[in-house]
C-alpha atoms as a PDB file:
ATOM      1  CA  MET A   1      28.189  -8.035  21.328  1.00  0.00           C
ATOM      2  CA  ARG A   2      26.260  -8.421  24.644  1.00  0.00           C
ATOM      3  CA  THR A   3      26.427 -11.219  27.573  1.00  0.00           C
ATOM      4  CA  ARG A   4      23.602 -12.556  29.073  1.00  0.00           C
ATOM      5  CA  LYS A   5      23.397 -15.155  31.371  1.00  0.00           C
ATOM      6  CA  GLY A   6      26.428 -16.409  30.842  1.00  0.00           C
ATOM      7  CA  LYS A   7      25.795 -16.621  27.028  1.00  0.00           C
ATOM      8  CA  THR A   8      27.366 -14.442  24.581  1.00  0.00           C
ATOM      9  CA  THR A   9      25.087 -13.102  21.660  1.00  0.00           C
ATOM     10  CA  ASP A  10      26.560 -11.535  18.382  1.00  0.00           C
ATOM     11  CA  ILE A  11      24.791 -10.067  16.312  1.00  0.00           C
ATOM     12  CA  ASP A  12      26.790  -8.909  13.151  1.00  0.00           C
ATOM     13  CA  LEU A  13      24.700  -5.473  11.719  1.00  0.00           C
ATOM     14  CA  SER A  14      27.357  -3.971   9.763  1.00  0.00           C
ATOM     15  CA  GLY A  15      26.191  -3.260   5.755  1.00  0.00           C
ATOM     16  CA  ILE A  16      22.461  -3.185   7.368  1.00  0.00           C
ATOM     17  CA  LYS A  17      20.578  -0.163   6.418  1.00  0.00           C
ATOM     18  CA  PRO A  18      17.832   1.432   8.218  1.00  0.00           C
ATOM     19  CA  LEU A  19      14.354  -0.007   7.830  1.00  0.00           C
ATOM     20  CA  PRO A  20      12.267   2.746   5.186  1.00  0.00           C
ATOM     21  CA  LEU A  21       9.381   4.916   7.130  1.00  0.00           C
ATOM     22  CA  TRP A  22       6.847   3.551   5.589  1.00  0.00           C
ATOM     23  CA  PHE A  23       7.682   0.028   7.078  1.00  0.00           C
ATOM     24  CA  PHE A  24       6.286   1.764  10.498  1.00  0.00           C
ATOM     25  CA  CYS A  25       3.076   2.839   8.692  1.00  0.00           C
ATOM     26  CA  PHE A  26       2.080  -0.978   9.055  1.00  0.00           C
ATOM     27  CA  GLU A  27       3.333  -0.625  13.034  1.00  0.00           C
ATOM     28  CA  GLY A  28       0.863   2.145  12.981  1.00  0.00           C
ATOM     29  CA  VAL A  29      -1.970   0.894  11.465  1.00  0.00           C
ATOM     30  CA  ILE A  30      -1.364  -2.022  14.002  1.00  0.00           C
ATOM     31  CA  GLY A  31      -1.224   0.518  17.414  1.00  0.00           C
ATOM     32  CA  ALA A  32      -4.348   2.464  16.093  1.00  0.00           C
ATOM     33  CA  ALA A  33      -6.229  -0.878  15.708  1.00  0.00           C
ATOM     34  CA  TYR A  34      -8.007  -1.332  18.582  1.00  0.00           C
ATOM     35  CA  ASP A  35      -9.754   2.321  18.031  1.00  0.00           C
ATOM     36  CA  LEU A  36     -10.077   1.792  14.174  1.00  0.00           C
ATOM     37  CA  THR A  37     -12.493  -1.341  15.064  1.00  0.00           C
ATOM     38  CA  LYS A  38     -14.363   0.745  17.022  1.00  0.00           C
ATOM     39  CA  ALA A  39     -14.922   3.491  14.751  1.00  0.00           C
ATOM     40  CA  TRP A  40     -15.447   0.855  11.937  1.00  0.00           C
ATOM     41  CA  ASP A  41     -17.554  -2.700  12.642  1.00  0.00           C
ATOM     42  CA  ASP A  42     -15.779  -4.249   9.508  1.00  0.00           C
ATOM     43  CA  ALA A  43     -12.293  -2.624   9.959  1.00  0.00           C
ATOM     44  CA  TRP A  44     -10.984  -6.466  11.511  1.00  0.00           C
ATOM     45  CA  MET A  45     -10.657  -7.862   7.951  1.00  0.00           C
ATOM     46  CA  VAL A  46      -8.615  -4.780   6.562  1.00  0.00           C
ATOM     47  CA  LEU A  47      -6.419  -5.033   9.655  1.00  0.00           C
ATOM     48  CA  ILE A  48      -5.632  -8.791   8.759  1.00  0.00           C
ATOM     49  CA  GLY A  49      -5.215  -8.035   5.389  1.00  0.00           C
ATOM     50  CA  ILE A  50      -2.196  -5.153   6.609  1.00  0.00           C
ATOM     51  CA  ALA A  51      -1.341  -7.973   8.484  1.00  0.00           C
ATOM     52  CA  LEU A  52      -0.520 -10.148   6.093  1.00  0.00           C
ATOM     53  CA  VAL A  53       1.080  -7.908   3.609  1.00  0.00           C
ATOM     54  CA  ASN A  54       2.939  -6.823   6.386  1.00  0.00           C
ATOM     55  CA  ILE A  55       4.162 -10.522   6.899  1.00  0.00           C
ATOM     56  CA  VAL A  56       4.782 -10.799   2.989  1.00  0.00           C
ATOM     57  CA  ILE A  57       6.799  -7.837   2.762  1.00  0.00           C
ATOM     58  CA  GLY A  58       8.811  -8.751   6.136  1.00  0.00           C
ATOM     59  CA  ALA A  59      10.145 -12.021   4.392  1.00  0.00           C
ATOM     60  CA  THR A  60      10.714 -10.668   0.935  1.00  0.00           C
ATOM     61  CA  VAL A  61      11.096  -7.147   0.079  1.00  0.00           C
ATOM     62  CA  LEU A  62      13.128  -6.825   3.502  1.00  0.00           C
ATOM     63  CA  ARG A  63      14.416 -10.126   3.634  1.00  0.00           C
ATOM     64  CA  ARG A  64      18.000  -8.788   4.043  1.00  0.00           C
ATOM     65  CA  ARG A  65      17.138  -6.546   7.175  1.00  0.00           C
ATOM     66  CA  LYS A  66      15.882  -9.848   9.478  1.00  0.00           C
ATOM     67  CA  LYS A  67      19.014  -9.451  11.543  1.00  0.00           C
ATOM     68  CA  LEU A  68      18.092  -5.876  11.943  1.00  0.00           C
ATOM     69  CA  MET A  69      14.386  -6.786  12.748  1.00  0.00           C
ATOM     70  CA  ARG A  70      15.343  -9.266  15.163  1.00  0.00           C
ATOM     71  CA  ALA A  71      17.589  -7.117  17.305  1.00  0.00           C
ATOM     72  CA  MET A  72      14.850  -4.152  17.374  1.00  0.00           C
ATOM     73  CA  LEU A  73      12.378  -6.753  18.960  1.00  0.00           C
ATOM     74  CA  LYS A  74      14.806  -8.026  20.959  1.00  0.00           C
ATOM     75  CA  ASN A  75      15.900  -4.515  22.552  1.00  0.00           C
ATOM     76  CA  SER A  76      14.291  -3.383  25.637  1.00  0.00           C
ATOM     77  CA  HIS A  77      13.512   0.092  24.307  1.00  0.00           C
ATOM     78  CA  THR A  78      11.292  -1.671  21.606  1.00  0.00           C
ATOM     79  CA  ARG A  79       9.358  -3.692  24.599  1.00  0.00           C
ATOM     80  CA  ASN A  80       9.123  -0.353  26.692  1.00  0.00           C
ATOM     81  CA  ILE A  81       7.792   1.417  24.276  1.00  0.00           C
ATOM     82  CA  ALA A  82       5.286  -0.910  23.174  1.00  0.00           C
ATOM     83  CA  ILE A  83       4.277  -0.852  27.360  1.00  0.00           C
ATOM     84  CA  ALA A  84       3.640   2.971  26.633  1.00  0.00           C
ATOM     85  CA  LEU A  85       1.744   2.842  23.881  1.00  0.00           C
ATOM     86  CA  LEU A  86      -0.538   0.233  25.791  1.00  0.00           C
ATOM     87  CA  ALA A  87      -0.662   2.390  28.450  1.00  0.00           C
ATOM     88  CA  LEU A  88      -1.086   5.615  26.680  1.00  0.00           C
ATOM     89  CA  ARG A  89      -4.281   4.099  25.322  1.00  0.00           C
ATOM     90  CA  VAL A  90      -5.796   3.065  28.137  1.00  0.00           C
ATOM     91  CA  GLY A  91      -4.631   6.003  30.469  1.00  0.00           C
ATOM     92  CA  LEU A  92      -6.133   8.215  27.522  1.00  0.00           C
ATOM     93  CA  HIS A  93      -9.418   6.570  27.671  1.00  0.00           C
ATOM     94  CA  LEU A  94      -9.816   6.525  31.022  1.00  0.00           C
ATOM     95  CA  VAL A  95      -8.903   9.702  31.445  1.00  0.00           C
ATOM     96  CA  LEU A  96     -11.402  11.146  28.723  1.00  0.00           C
ATOM     97  CA  ALA A  97     -14.216   8.580  30.410  1.00  0.00           C
ATOM     98  CA  ALA A  98     -13.302  10.652  33.948  1.00  0.00           C
ATOM     99  CA  LEU A  99     -13.493  13.948  32.529  1.00  0.00           C
ATOM    100  CA  GLY A 100     -17.162  13.371  31.382  1.00  0.00           C
ATOM    101  CA  ALA A 101     -15.896  12.777  27.648  1.00  0.00           C
ATOM    102  CA  PRO A 102     -15.919   9.398  26.372  1.00  0.00           C
ATOM    103  CA  VAL A 103     -14.653   8.315  23.139  1.00  0.00           C
ATOM    104  CA  THR A 104     -17.512   7.107  21.775  1.00  0.00           C
ATOM    105  CA  SER A 105     -17.958   8.345  18.296  1.00  0.00           C
ATOM    106  CA  VAL A 106     -16.681   7.571  14.913  1.00  0.00           C
ATOM    107  CA  ALA A 107     -14.746  10.666  14.801  1.00  0.00           C
ATOM    108  CA  GLY A 108     -13.371  10.683  18.547  1.00  0.00           C
ATOM    109  CA  HIS A 109     -12.600   6.796  17.674  1.00  0.00           C
ATOM    110  CA  LEU A 110     -10.900   7.614  14.241  1.00  0.00           C
ATOM    111  CA  ALA A 111      -9.111  10.845  16.381  1.00  0.00           C
ATOM    112  CA  VAL A 112      -7.747   8.419  18.891  1.00  0.00           C
ATOM    113  CA  ALA A 113      -6.484   6.142  15.706  1.00  0.00           C
ATOM    114  CA  VAL A 114      -4.824   9.082  14.214  1.00  0.00           C
ATOM    115  CA  LEU A 115      -2.786  10.105  17.343  1.00  0.00           C
ATOM    116  CA  MET A 116      -2.060   6.057  18.158  1.00  0.00           C
ATOM    117  CA  GLY A 117      -0.656   5.099  14.666  1.00  0.00           C
ATOM    118  CA  ALA A 118       0.813   8.390  14.560  1.00  0.00           C
ATOM    119  CA  THR A 119       2.785   8.062  18.027  1.00  0.00           C
ATOM    120  CA  THR A 120       3.554   4.587  17.401  1.00  0.00           C
ATOM    121  CA  VAL A 121       5.250   5.553  14.186  1.00  0.00           C
ATOM    122  CA  THR A 122       7.322   8.236  15.547  1.00  0.00           C
ATOM    123  CA  LEU A 123       8.342   5.899  18.712  1.00  0.00           C
ATOM    124  CA  MET A 124       9.401   3.173  16.278  1.00  0.00           C
ATOM    125  CA  TRP A 125      11.430   5.524  13.519  1.00  0.00           C
ATOM    126  CA  PHE A 126      13.170   7.018  17.234  1.00  0.00           C
ATOM    127  CA  ASN A 127      14.126   3.608  18.350  1.00  0.00           C
ATOM    128  CA  GLN A 128      15.165   2.732  15.230  1.00  0.00           C
ATOM    129  CA  ARG A 129      17.915   5.776  14.641  1.00  0.00           C
ATOM    130  CA  VAL A 130      18.832   5.445  18.303  1.00  0.00           C
ATOM    131  CA  THR A 131      19.353   1.853  18.060  1.00  0.00           C
ATOM    132  CA  PHE A 132      22.224   2.906  15.177  1.00  0.00           C
ATOM    133  CA  ARG A 133      23.541   5.768  16.585  1.00  0.00           C
ATOM    134  CA  ALA A 134      24.437   3.289  19.633  1.00  0.00           C
ATOM    135  CA  LEU A 135      26.112   0.807  17.773  1.00  0.00           C
ATOM    136  CA  ARG A 136      27.839   3.598  15.700  1.00  0.00           C
ATOM    137  CA  LEU A 137      25.958   2.448  12.707  1.00  0.00           C
ATOM    138  CA  ALA A 138      24.694   5.841  11.082  1.00  0.00           C
END
C-alpha cells in the first residue's frame, strides 16, 4: 500500500510471476537504438518492428502481468535507471570525444550498442528482483 498526495494506491501483485529475462531484451534493443541507427542507416525500420512485437507480446502473452509492468513503470527506480542509462550514453560519447577517440566507426557504434543493451537488460532485470524482494513476492 502506498500513499501519495492524500490518495492511496493499492496494487495487488500477489500471485504474479516475474517478467522473463527475454522480455527485457526488447528493452535492451531500445537502449541500444541510438548506436544501432548510427551503425546501420536502415536500423530504424527493424527497431520499429521490434517495438511493435514488444507491444503485441506485452498485450497478449504477458497480459496477466500487466499490473507488474505498470507497477515497475511507476517505480522511481525504473525512472532512475532510464535517466542513468541516458547519462551513461551521453557521458560515454562525450568522454571518448574529449579523449580524442570519438565513436564514429560501425564497429565502435556496435560495441557501444552491445554495452548499452546489456546494461539495460541487466539493470531492468535487477530492478525487478529488488522490487519482488521488497514486496516479499519472491
